[in-house]
Amino acid sequence: MSVLRFPVRVKPGSTRDAVGGCWDGRLGEALVVAVRAPAVDGKANDAVRRVLAGALSVRAGDLVVVRGQRARDKLIELRDAPPEAPGLLASLLRSH
């Protein structure tokens, strides 16, 4: 089983869902994830998993927030990561 961990910076309450760009945060170089969902009752975390799943072409159930459940800076774990996932992640970090 291939596991990929990477930091993200969440922008809850955005006007649209989007993935792309780099943020130099507490957890290192983080992927920026904007979600329309508010940061209330885990709604933003669910939206982050759903939006990332679409961007990485994986199932939302394969993505887990392992650190930062109540923070904008999160550590995400992708379980059963496909071989192309690291390249996709690098490309998303360079976009925007």
Protein backbone atom coordinates (compact mmCIF):
# COMPACT_ATOMS: atom_id res chain seq x y z
CA MET A 1 0.00 0.00 0.00
CA SER A 2 1.44 3.34 -1.08
CA VAL A 3 0.84 6.26 1.30
CA LEU A 4 1.49 9.90 0.43
CA ARG A 5 1.43 12.65 3.07
CA PHE A 6 1.39 16.32 2.17
CA PRO A 7 0.51 19.65 3.82
CA VAL A 8 -2.35 21.85 2.65
CA ARG A 9 -3.43 25.40 3.44
CA VAL A 10 -7.23 25.70 3.50
CA LYS A 11 -9.19 28.80 2.56
CA PRO A 12 -12.73 28.12 3.85
CA GLY A 13 -15.64 30.29 2.77
CA SER A 14 -14.14 31.00 -0.66
CA THR A 15 -16.28 32.02 -3.61
CA ARG A 16 -15.40 28.77 -5.44
CA ASP A 17 -13.72 25.42 -4.85
CA ALA A 18 -10.17 25.35 -6.23
CA VAL A 19 -6.87 23.53 -5.80
CA GLY A 20 -3.55 25.04 -6.74
CA GLY A 21 -0.74 27.21 -5.60
CA CYS A 22 1.83 27.09 -2.86
CA TRP A 23 1.78 28.44 0.69
CA ASP A 24 4.88 28.52 2.88
CA GLY A 25 3.21 27.47 6.11
CA ARG A 26 3.89 25.85 9.46
CA LEU A 27 4.04 22.39 7.93
CA GLY A 28 6.31 23.38 5.04
CA GLU A 29 5.44 24.02 1.39
CA ALA A 30 1.68 23.48 1.37
CA LEU A 31 -0.85 23.04 -1.43
CA VAL A 32 -3.55 25.74 -1.34
CA VAL A 33 -7.11 24.39 -1.26
CA ALA A 34 -10.00 26.86 -1.43
CA VAL A 35 -13.46 25.57 -0.50
CA ARG A 36 -16.86 27.25 -0.42
CA ALA A 37 -17.80 25.42 2.78
CA PRO A 38 -17.48 27.34 6.05
CA ALA A 39 -15.10 26.25 8.80
CA VAL A 40 -17.99 25.00 10.95
CA ASP A 41 -18.71 21.48 12.24
CA GLY A 42 -16.14 19.83 9.97
CA LYS A 43 -17.81 21.06 6.78
CA ALA A 44 -14.57 22.55 5.44
CA ASN A 45 -12.63 19.33 6.15
CA ASP A 46 -15.21 17.29 4.24
CA ALA A 47 -15.06 19.77 1.36
CA VAL A 48 -11.24 19.68 1.33
CA ARG A 49 -11.29 15.88 0.99
CA ARG A 50 -13.89 16.06 -1.80
CA VAL A 51 -12.11 18.82 -3.76
CA LEU A 52 -8.69 17.17 -3.39
CA ALA A 53 -10.15 13.85 -4.50
CA GLY A 54 -11.36 15.46 -7.71
CA ALA A 55 -8.02 17.17 -8.36
CA LEU A 56 -6.00 14.00 -7.72
CA SER A 57 -8.48 11.58 -9.36
CA VAL A 58 -8.86 9.48 -6.21
CA ARG A 59 -11.73 8.64 -3.86
CA ALA A 60 -12.47 11.09 -1.04
CA GLY A 61 -12.45 8.11 1.33
CA ASP A 62 -8.75 7.58 0.57
CA LEU A 63 -7.90 11.05 1.92
CA VAL A 64 -7.57 11.58 5.67
CA VAL A 65 -6.82 14.72 7.67
CA VAL A 66 -4.14 13.41 10.05
CA ARG A 67 -3.20 16.75 11.60
CA GLY A 68 -4.87 20.14 11.90
CA GLN A 69 -8.54 19.12 12.03
CA ARG A 70 -9.43 22.56 13.43
CA ALA A 71 -6.74 24.63 11.68
CA ARG A 72 -6.15 26.08 8.23
CA ASP A 73 -2.83 24.26 7.99
CA LYS A 74 -3.46 20.52 7.67
CA LEU A 75 -1.51 17.38 6.99
CA ILE A 76 -3.33 15.12 4.54
CA GLU A 77 -2.68 11.43 4.01
CA LEU A 78 -3.57 9.76 0.72
CA ARG A 79 -3.90 6.02 1.15
CA ASP A 80 -3.46 3.71 -1.83
CA ALA A 81 -1.88 6.59 -3.74
CA PRO A 82 -1.69 5.96 -7.49
CA PRO A 83 1.80 6.15 -9.06
CA GLU A 84 1.00 9.48 -10.75
CA ALA A 85 -0.09 11.20 -7.48
CA PRO A 86 3.31 12.76 -6.60
CA GLY A 87 3.59 14.28 -10.09
CA LEU A 88 0.03 15.64 -9.95
CA LEU A 89 0.72 17.12 -6.52
CA ALA A 90 3.91 18.83 -7.77
CA SER A 91 2.02 20.24 -10.75
CA LEU A 92 -0.76 21.62 -8.52
CA LEU A 93 1.80 23.25 -6.22
CA ARG A 94 3.29 25.11 -9.20
CA SER A 95 -0.09 26.25 -10.58
CA HIS A 96 -1.81 29.62 -9.90
